[in-house]
Amino acid sequence: RRFGRRDVLRGALGVAAIGAIAGSGLAALGGKKAL
């Protein structure tokens, strides 16, 4: 109910999914090197 199925794709590592679940603002990040 809180996030909804559309917020997370099965098996995804997308930054939008991580941002929704982990609350860490990852959408602005470019990848492993930047992290």
PDB file of all heavy atoms in Angstrom:
ATOM      1  N   ARG A   1       0.820  -1.204   0.000  1.00  0.00           N
ATOM      2  CA  ARG A   1       0.000   0.000   0.000  1.00  0.00           C
ATOM      3  C   ARG A   1       0.855   1.256   0.000  1.00  0.00           C
ATOM      4  O   ARG A   1       0.518   2.262  -0.584  1.00  0.00           O
ATOM      5  CB  ARG A   1      -0.924   0.006   1.220  1.00  0.00           C
ATOM      6  CG  ARG A   1      -2.013  -1.050   1.181  1.00  0.00           C
ATOM      7  CD  ARG A   1      -3.159  -0.670   2.110  1.00  0.00           C
ATOM      8  NE  ARG A   1      -2.695  -0.462   3.475  1.00  0.00           N
ATOM      9  CZ  ARG A   1      -2.612  -1.441   4.373  1.00  0.00           C
ATOM     10  NH1 ARG A   1      -2.932  -2.683   4.044  1.00  0.00           N
ATOM     11  NH2 ARG A   1      -2.213  -1.180   5.600  1.00  0.00           N
ATOM     12  N   ARG A   2       2.006   1.165   0.695  1.00  0.00           N
ATOM     13  CA  ARG A   2       2.826   2.360   0.829  1.00  0.00           C
ATOM     14  C   ARG A   2       3.515   2.741  -0.467  1.00  0.00           C
ATOM     15  O   ARG A   2       3.530   3.900  -0.866  1.00  0.00           O
ATOM     16  CB  ARG A   2       3.873   2.158   1.926  1.00  0.00           C
ATOM     17  CG  ARG A   2       4.671   3.434   2.144  1.00  0.00           C
ATOM     18  CD  ARG A   2       5.630   3.327   3.302  1.00  0.00           C
ATOM     19  NE  ARG A   2       6.349   4.576   3.424  1.00  0.00           N
ATOM     20  CZ  ARG A   2       7.480   4.726   4.068  1.00  0.00           C
ATOM     21  NH1 ARG A   2       8.014   3.693   4.670  1.00  0.00           N
ATOM     22  NH2 ARG A   2       8.082   5.888   4.129  1.00  0.00           N
ATOM     23  N   PHE A   3       4.120   1.765  -1.147  1.00  0.00           N
ATOM     24  CA  PHE A   3       4.916   2.078  -2.325  1.00  0.00           C
ATOM     25  C   PHE A   3       4.191   1.785  -3.639  1.00  0.00           C
ATOM     26  O   PHE A   3       4.364   2.491  -4.619  1.00  0.00           O
ATOM     27  CB  PHE A   3       6.232   1.290  -2.290  1.00  0.00           C
ATOM     28  CG  PHE A   3       7.122   1.719  -1.168  1.00  0.00           C
ATOM     29  CD1 PHE A   3       7.362   0.863  -0.099  1.00  0.00           C
ATOM     30  CD2 PHE A   3       7.708   2.962  -1.163  1.00  0.00           C
ATOM     31  CE1 PHE A   3       8.182   1.252   0.941  1.00  0.00           C
ATOM     32  CE2 PHE A   3       8.526   3.364  -0.120  1.00  0.00           C
ATOM     33  CZ  PHE A   3       8.770   2.512   0.934  1.00  0.00           C
ATOM     34  N   GLY A   4       3.403   0.724  -3.675  1.00  0.00           N
ATOM     35  CA  GLY A   4       2.744   0.330  -4.913  1.00  0.00           C
ATOM     36  C   GLY A   4       3.659  -0.467  -5.811  1.00  0.00           C
ATOM     37  O   GLY A   4       4.864  -0.243  -5.865  1.00  0.00           O
ATOM     38  N   ARG A   5       3.064  -1.412  -6.554  1.00  0.00           N
ATOM     39  CA  ARG A   5       3.867  -2.299  -7.393  1.00  0.00           C
ATOM     40  C   ARG A   5       4.647  -1.545  -8.457  1.00  0.00           C
ATOM     41  O   ARG A   5       5.729  -1.940  -8.849  1.00  0.00           O
ATOM     42  CB  ARG A   5       2.973  -3.346  -8.072  1.00  0.00           C
ATOM     43  CG  ARG A   5       2.600  -4.504  -7.188  1.00  0.00           C
ATOM     44  CD  ARG A   5       1.824  -5.537  -7.972  1.00  0.00           C
ATOM     45  NE  ARG A   5       2.599  -6.103  -9.047  1.00  0.00           N
ATOM     46  CZ  ARG A   5       3.433  -7.126  -8.911  1.00  0.00           C
ATOM     47  NH1 ARG A   5       3.599  -7.671  -7.730  1.00  0.00           N
ATOM     48  NH2 ARG A   5       4.086  -7.597  -9.944  1.00  0.00           N
ATOM     49  N   ARG A   6       4.102  -0.436  -8.959  1.00  0.00           N
ATOM     50  CA  ARG A   6       4.782   0.246 -10.046  1.00  0.00           C
ATOM     51  C   ARG A   6       6.080   0.902  -9.604  1.00  0.00           C
ATOM     52  O   ARG A   6       6.912   1.269 -10.417  1.00  0.00           O
ATOM     53  CB  ARG A   6       3.850   1.310 -10.645  1.00  0.00           C
ATOM     54  CG  ARG A   6       2.679   0.724 -11.411  1.00  0.00           C
ATOM     55  CD  ARG A   6       1.750   1.812 -11.887  1.00  0.00           C
ATOM     56  NE  ARG A   6       1.158   2.531 -10.757  1.00  0.00           N
ATOM     57  CZ  ARG A   6       0.365   3.601 -10.899  1.00  0.00           C
ATOM     58  NH1 ARG A   6       0.080   4.055 -12.092  1.00  0.00           N
ATOM     59  NH2 ARG A   6      -0.141   4.179  -9.841  1.00  0.00           N
ATOM     60  N   ASP A   7       6.276   1.087  -8.278  1.00  0.00           N
ATOM     61  CA  ASP A   7       7.493   1.743  -7.789  1.00  0.00           C
ATOM     62  C   ASP A   7       8.710   0.849  -7.876  1.00  0.00           C
ATOM     63  O   ASP A   7       9.831   1.315  -7.779  1.00  0.00           O
ATOM     64  CB  ASP A   7       7.313   2.181  -6.325  1.00  0.00           C
ATOM     65  CG  ASP A   7       6.288   3.284  -6.198  1.00  0.00           C
ATOM     66  OD1 ASP A   7       6.122   4.045  -7.168  1.00  0.00           O
ATOM     67  OD2 ASP A   7       5.653   3.373  -5.130  1.00  0.00           O
ATOM     68  N   VAL A   8       8.511  -0.462  -7.977  1.00  0.00           N
ATOM     69  CA  VAL A   8       9.636  -1.389  -7.944  1.00  0.00           C
ATOM     70  C   VAL A   8       9.448  -2.447  -9.017  1.00  0.00           C
ATOM     71  O   VAL A   8       8.416  -3.094  -9.071  1.00  0.00           O
ATOM     72  CB  VAL A   8       9.748  -2.084  -6.564  1.00  0.00           C
ATOM     73  CG1 VAL A   8      10.954  -2.996  -6.546  1.00  0.00           C
ATOM     74  CG2 VAL A   8       9.867  -1.051  -5.459  1.00  0.00           C
ATOM     75  N   LEU A   9      10.439  -2.630  -9.885  1.00  0.00           N
ATOM     76  CA  LEU A   9      10.378  -3.667 -10.896  1.00  0.00           C
ATOM     77  C   LEU A   9      10.997  -4.936 -10.362  1.00  0.00           C
ATOM     78  O   LEU A   9      11.946  -4.901  -9.592  1.00  0.00           O
ATOM     79  CB  LEU A   9      11.139  -3.208 -12.153  1.00  0.00           C
ATOM     80  CG  LEU A   9      10.608  -1.919 -12.800  1.00  0.00           C
ATOM     81  CD1 LEU A   9      11.491  -1.550 -13.987  1.00  0.00           C
ATOM     82  CD2 LEU A   9       9.171  -2.099 -13.251  1.00  0.00           C
ATOM     83  N   ARG A  10      10.458  -6.096 -10.773  1.00  0.00           N
ATOM     84  CA  ARG A  10      10.984  -7.366 -10.297  1.00  0.00           C
ATOM     85  C   ARG A  10      12.447  -7.500 -10.663  1.00  0.00           C
ATOM     86  O   ARG A  10      12.824  -7.383 -11.826  1.00  0.00           O
ATOM     87  CB  ARG A  10      10.204  -8.523 -10.912  1.00  0.00           C
ATOM     88  CG  ARG A  10       8.783  -8.641 -10.394  1.00  0.00           C
ATOM     89  CD  ARG A  10       8.083  -9.827 -11.017  1.00  0.00           C
ATOM     90  NE  ARG A  10       8.762 -11.061 -10.669  1.00  0.00           N
ATOM     91  CZ  ARG A  10       8.524 -11.753  -9.569  1.00  0.00           C
ATOM     92  NH1 ARG A  10       7.655 -11.314  -8.697  1.00  0.00           N
ATOM     93  NH2 ARG A  10       9.166 -12.878  -9.336  1.00  0.00           N
ATOM     94  N   GLY A  11      13.284  -7.714  -9.646  1.00  0.00           N
ATOM     95  CA  GLY A  11      14.696  -7.938  -9.881  1.00  0.00           C
ATOM     96  C   GLY A  11      15.451  -6.688 -10.249  1.00  0.00           C
ATOM     97  O   GLY A  11      16.611  -6.758 -10.654  1.00  0.00           O
ATOM     98  N   ALA A  12      14.829  -5.518 -10.148  1.00  0.00           N
ATOM     99  CA  ALA A  12      15.480  -4.308 -10.643  1.00  0.00           C
ATOM    100  C   ALA A  12      16.536  -3.810  -9.682  1.00  0.00           C
ATOM    101  O   ALA A  12      16.441  -3.959  -8.490  1.00  0.00           O
ATOM    102  CB  ALA A  12      14.437  -3.218 -10.856  1.00  0.00           C
ATOM    103  N   LEU A  13      17.539  -3.124 -10.262  1.00  0.00           N
ATOM    104  CA  LEU A  13      18.504  -2.362  -9.478  1.00  0.00           C
ATOM    105  C   LEU A  13      18.401  -0.894  -9.856  1.00  0.00           C
ATOM    106  O   LEU A  13      19.351  -0.149  -9.733  1.00  0.00           O
ATOM    107  CB  LEU A  13      19.927  -2.861  -9.745  1.00  0.00           C
ATOM    108  CG  LEU A  13      20.295  -4.167  -9.071  1.00  0.00           C
ATOM    109  CD1 LEU A  13      21.709  -4.559  -9.447  1.00  0.00           C
ATOM    110  CD2 LEU A  13      20.188  -4.042  -7.575  1.00  0.00           C
ATOM    111  N   GLY A  14      17.238  -0.471 -10.380  1.00  0.00           N
ATOM    112  CA  GLY A  14      17.093   0.893 -10.851  1.00  0.00           C
ATOM    113  C   GLY A  14      17.190   1.895  -9.727  1.00  0.00           C
ATOM    114  O   GLY A  14      16.773   1.653  -8.612  1.00  0.00           O
ATOM    115  N   VAL A  15      17.727   3.090 -10.052  1.00  0.00           N
ATOM    116  CA  VAL A  15      17.912   4.098  -9.012  1.00  0.00           C
ATOM    117  C   VAL A  15      16.574   4.593  -8.492  1.00  0.00           C
ATOM    118  O   VAL A  15      16.447   4.985  -7.336  1.00  0.00           O
ATOM    119  CB  VAL A  15      18.751   5.283  -9.535  1.00  0.00           C
ATOM    120  CG1 VAL A  15      20.171   4.864  -9.765  1.00  0.00           C
ATOM    121  CG2 VAL A  15      18.149   5.882 -10.799  1.00  0.00           C
ATOM    122  N   ALA A  16      15.517   4.585  -9.318  1.00  0.00           N
ATOM    123  CA  ALA A  16      14.212   5.022  -8.823  1.00  0.00           C
ATOM    124  C   ALA A  16      13.698   4.073  -7.750  1.00  0.00           C
ATOM    125  O   ALA A  16      13.138   4.491  -6.739  1.00  0.00           O
ATOM    126  CB  ALA A  16      13.217   5.103  -9.971  1.00  0.00           C
ATOM    127  N   ALA A  17      13.892   2.767  -7.977  1.00  0.00           N
ATOM    128  CA  ALA A  17      13.445   1.777  -6.991  1.00  0.00           C
ATOM    129  C   ALA A  17      14.211   1.928  -5.696  1.00  0.00           C
ATOM    130  O   ALA A  17      13.642   1.913  -4.610  1.00  0.00           O
ATOM    131  CB  ALA A  17      13.638   0.370  -7.549  1.00  0.00           C
ATOM    132  N   ILE A  18      15.541   2.066  -5.802  1.00  0.00           N
ATOM    133  CA  ILE A  18      16.336   2.215  -4.591  1.00  0.00           C
ATOM    134  C   ILE A  18      15.969   3.497  -3.870  1.00  0.00           C
ATOM    135  O   ILE A  18      15.879   3.546  -2.652  1.00  0.00           O
ATOM    136  CB  ILE A  18      17.839   2.213  -4.942  1.00  0.00           C
ATOM    137  CG1 ILE A  18      18.222   0.877  -5.558  1.00  0.00           C
ATOM    138  CG2 ILE A  18      18.678   2.476  -3.715  1.00  0.00           C
ATOM    139  CD1 ILE A  18      18.116  -0.288  -4.632  1.00  0.00           C
ATOM    140  N   GLY A  19      15.732   4.547  -4.613  1.00  0.00           N
ATOM    141  CA  GLY A  19      15.358   5.796  -3.976  1.00  0.00           C
ATOM    142  C   GLY A  19      14.064   5.669  -3.205  1.00  0.00           C
ATOM    143  O   GLY A  19      13.926   6.192  -2.105  1.00  0.00           O
ATOM    144  N   ALA A  20      13.091   4.941  -3.767  1.00  0.00           N
ATOM    145  CA  ALA A  20      11.805   4.780  -3.097  1.00  0.00           C
ATOM    146  C   ALA A  20      11.931   3.945  -1.847  1.00  0.00           C
ATOM    147  O   ALA A  20      11.329   4.231  -0.829  1.00  0.00           O
ATOM    148  CB  ALA A  20      10.802   4.138  -4.052  1.00  0.00           C
ATOM    149  N   ILE A  21      12.735   2.871  -1.937  1.00  0.00           N
ATOM    150  CA  ILE A  21      12.833   1.944  -0.810  1.00  0.00           C
ATOM    151  C   ILE A  21      13.826   2.431   0.228  1.00  0.00           C
ATOM    152  O   ILE A  21      13.580   2.415   1.421  1.00  0.00           O
ATOM    153  CB  ILE A  21      13.244   0.549  -1.308  1.00  0.00           C
ATOM    154  CG1 ILE A  21      12.184   0.028  -2.272  1.00  0.00           C
ATOM    155  CG2 ILE A  21      13.397  -0.412  -0.158  1.00  0.00           C
ATOM    156  CD1 ILE A  21      10.808  -0.047  -1.707  1.00  0.00           C
ATOM    157  N   ALA A  22      15.008   2.855  -0.204  1.00  0.00           N
ATOM    158  CA  ALA A  22      16.060   3.195   0.741  1.00  0.00           C
ATOM    159  C   ALA A  22      16.075   4.665   1.110  1.00  0.00           C
ATOM    160  O   ALA A  22      16.753   5.056   2.046  1.00  0.00           O
ATOM    161  CB  ALA A  22      17.425   2.803   0.162  1.00  0.00           C
ATOM    162  N   GLY A  23      15.344   5.499   0.363  1.00  0.00           N
ATOM    163  CA  GLY A  23      15.253   6.900   0.733  1.00  0.00           C
ATOM    164  C   GLY A  23      16.563   7.631   0.647  1.00  0.00           C
ATOM    165  O   GLY A  23      16.841   8.538   1.436  1.00  0.00           O
ATOM    166  N   SER A  24      17.434   7.277  -0.298  1.00  0.00           N
ATOM    167  CA  SER A  24      18.788   7.828  -0.292  1.00  0.00           C
ATOM    168  C   SER A  24      19.066   8.789  -1.426  1.00  0.00           C
ATOM    169  O   SER A  24      20.190   9.223  -1.588  1.00  0.00           O
ATOM    170  CB  SER A  24      19.804   6.684  -0.353  1.00  0.00           C
ATOM    171  OG  SER A  24      19.548   5.871  -1.479  1.00  0.00           O
ATOM    172  N   GLY A  25      18.067   9.136  -2.231  1.00  0.00           N
ATOM    173  CA  GLY A  25      18.275  10.123  -3.265  1.00  0.00           C
ATOM    174  C   GLY A  25      19.240   9.694  -4.332  1.00  0.00           C
ATOM    175  O   GLY A  25      20.049  10.491  -4.820  1.00  0.00           O
ATOM    176  N   LEU A  26      19.190   8.434  -4.760  1.00  0.00           N
ATOM    177  CA  LEU A  26      20.170   7.927  -5.705  1.00  0.00           C
ATOM    178  C   LEU A  26      19.911   8.350  -7.137  1.00  0.00           C
ATOM    179  O   LEU A  26      20.743   8.115  -7.997  1.00  0.00           O
ATOM    180  CB  LEU A  26      20.204   6.397  -5.635  1.00  0.00           C
ATOM    181  CG  LEU A  26      20.671   5.814  -4.311  1.00  0.00           C
ATOM    182  CD1 LEU A  26      20.704   4.301  -4.408  1.00  0.00           C
ATOM    183  CD2 LEU A  26      22.034   6.335  -3.928  1.00  0.00           C
ATOM    184  N   ALA A  27      18.781   8.964  -7.404  1.00  0.00           N
ATOM    185  CA  ALA A  27      18.450   9.282  -8.792  1.00  0.00           C
ATOM    186  C   ALA A  27      19.475  10.204  -9.435  1.00  0.00           C
ATOM    187  O   ALA A  27      19.624  10.219 -10.656  1.00  0.00           O
ATOM    188  CB  ALA A  27      17.073   9.929  -8.868  1.00  0.00           C
ATOM    189  N   ALA A  28      20.187  10.971  -8.640  1.00  0.00           N
ATOM    190  CA  ALA A  28      21.150  11.912  -9.202  1.00  0.00           C
ATOM    191  C   ALA A  28      22.511  11.291  -9.443  1.00  0.00           C
ATOM    192  O   ALA A  28      23.416  11.966  -9.934  1.00  0.00           O
ATOM    193  CB  ALA A  28      21.303  13.108  -8.265  1.00  0.00           C
ATOM    194  N   LEU A  29      22.679  10.021  -9.111  1.00  0.00           N
ATOM    195  CA  LEU A  29      24.000   9.416  -9.176  1.00  0.00           C
ATOM    196  C   LEU A  29      24.202   8.683 -10.477  1.00  0.00           C
ATOM    197  O   LEU A  29      23.279   8.132 -11.055  1.00  0.00           O
ATOM    198  CB  LEU A  29      24.176   8.453  -7.993  1.00  0.00           C
ATOM    199  CG  LEU A  29      24.054   9.153  -6.636  1.00  0.00           C
ATOM    200  CD1 LEU A  29      24.092   8.126  -5.535  1.00  0.00           C
ATOM    201  CD2 LEU A  29      25.147  10.182  -6.446  1.00  0.00           C
ATOM    202  N   GLY A  30      25.454   8.627 -10.905  1.00  0.00           N
ATOM    203  CA  GLY A  30      25.722   8.096 -12.225  1.00  0.00           C
ATOM    204  C   GLY A  30      26.172   6.671 -12.279  1.00  0.00           C
ATOM    205  O   GLY A  30      26.228   6.095 -13.361  1.00  0.00           O
ATOM    206  N   GLY A  31      26.555   6.029 -11.190  1.00  0.00           N
ATOM    207  CA  GLY A  31      27.018   4.648 -11.271  1.00  0.00           C
ATOM    208  C   GLY A  31      28.036   4.343 -10.196  1.00  0.00           C
ATOM    209  O   GLY A  31      28.298   5.138  -9.309  1.00  0.00           O
ATOM    210  N   LYS A  32      28.689   3.143 -10.299  1.00  0.00           N
ATOM    211  CA  LYS A  32      29.595   2.677  -9.248  1.00  0.00           C
ATOM    212  C   LYS A  32      30.762   3.619  -9.025  1.00  0.00           C
ATOM    213  O   LYS A  32      31.190   3.859  -7.914  1.00  0.00           O
ATOM    214  CB  LYS A  32      30.097   1.283  -9.589  1.00  0.00           C
ATOM    215  CG  LYS A  32      29.027   0.211  -9.530  1.00  0.00           C
ATOM    216  CD  LYS A  32      29.618  -1.158  -9.744  1.00  0.00           C
ATOM    217  CE  LYS A  32      28.534  -2.216  -9.706  1.00  0.00           C
ATOM    218  NZ  LYS A  32      29.082  -3.555  -9.920  1.00  0.00           N
ATOM    219  N   LYS A  33      31.324   4.177 -10.098  1.00  0.00           N
ATOM    220  CA  LYS A  33      32.493   5.037  -9.952  1.00  0.00           C
ATOM    221  C   LYS A  33      32.151   6.267  -9.125  1.00  0.00           C
ATOM    222  O   LYS A  33      32.889   6.680  -8.246  1.00  0.00           O
ATOM    223  CB  LYS A  33      33.012   5.453 -11.323  1.00  0.00           C
ATOM    224  CG  LYS A  33      34.301   6.246 -11.260  1.00  0.00           C
ATOM    225  CD  LYS A  33      34.851   6.518 -12.649  1.00  0.00           C
ATOM    226  CE  LYS A  33      36.162   7.292 -12.570  1.00  0.00           C
ATOM    227  NZ  LYS A  33      36.708   7.575 -13.925  1.00  0.00           N
ATOM    228  N   ALA A  34      30.996   6.861  -9.376  1.00  0.00           N
ATOM    229  CA  ALA A  34      30.596   8.042  -8.632  1.00  0.00           C
ATOM    230  C   ALA A  34      30.278   7.710  -7.179  1.00  0.00           C
ATOM    231  O   ALA A  34      30.477   8.532  -6.297  1.00  0.00           O
ATOM    232  CB  ALA A  34      29.373   8.677  -9.288  1.00  0.00           C
ATOM    233  N   LEU A  35      29.791   6.484  -6.936  1.00  0.00           N
ATOM    234  CA  LEU A  35      29.402   6.105  -5.585  1.00  0.00           C
ATOM    235  C   LEU A  35      30.572   5.707  -4.712  1.00  0.00           C
ATOM    236  O   LEU A  35      30.518   5.817  -3.501  1.00  0.00           O
ATOM    237  CB  LEU A  35      28.419   4.929  -5.658  1.00  0.00           C
ATOM    238  CG  LEU A  35      27.069   5.196  -6.334  1.00  0.00           C
ATOM    239  CD1 LEU A  35      26.325   3.888  -6.506  1.00  0.00           C
ATOM    240  CD2 LEU A  35      26.247   6.172  -5.530  1.00  0.00           C
TER     241      LEU A  35
END
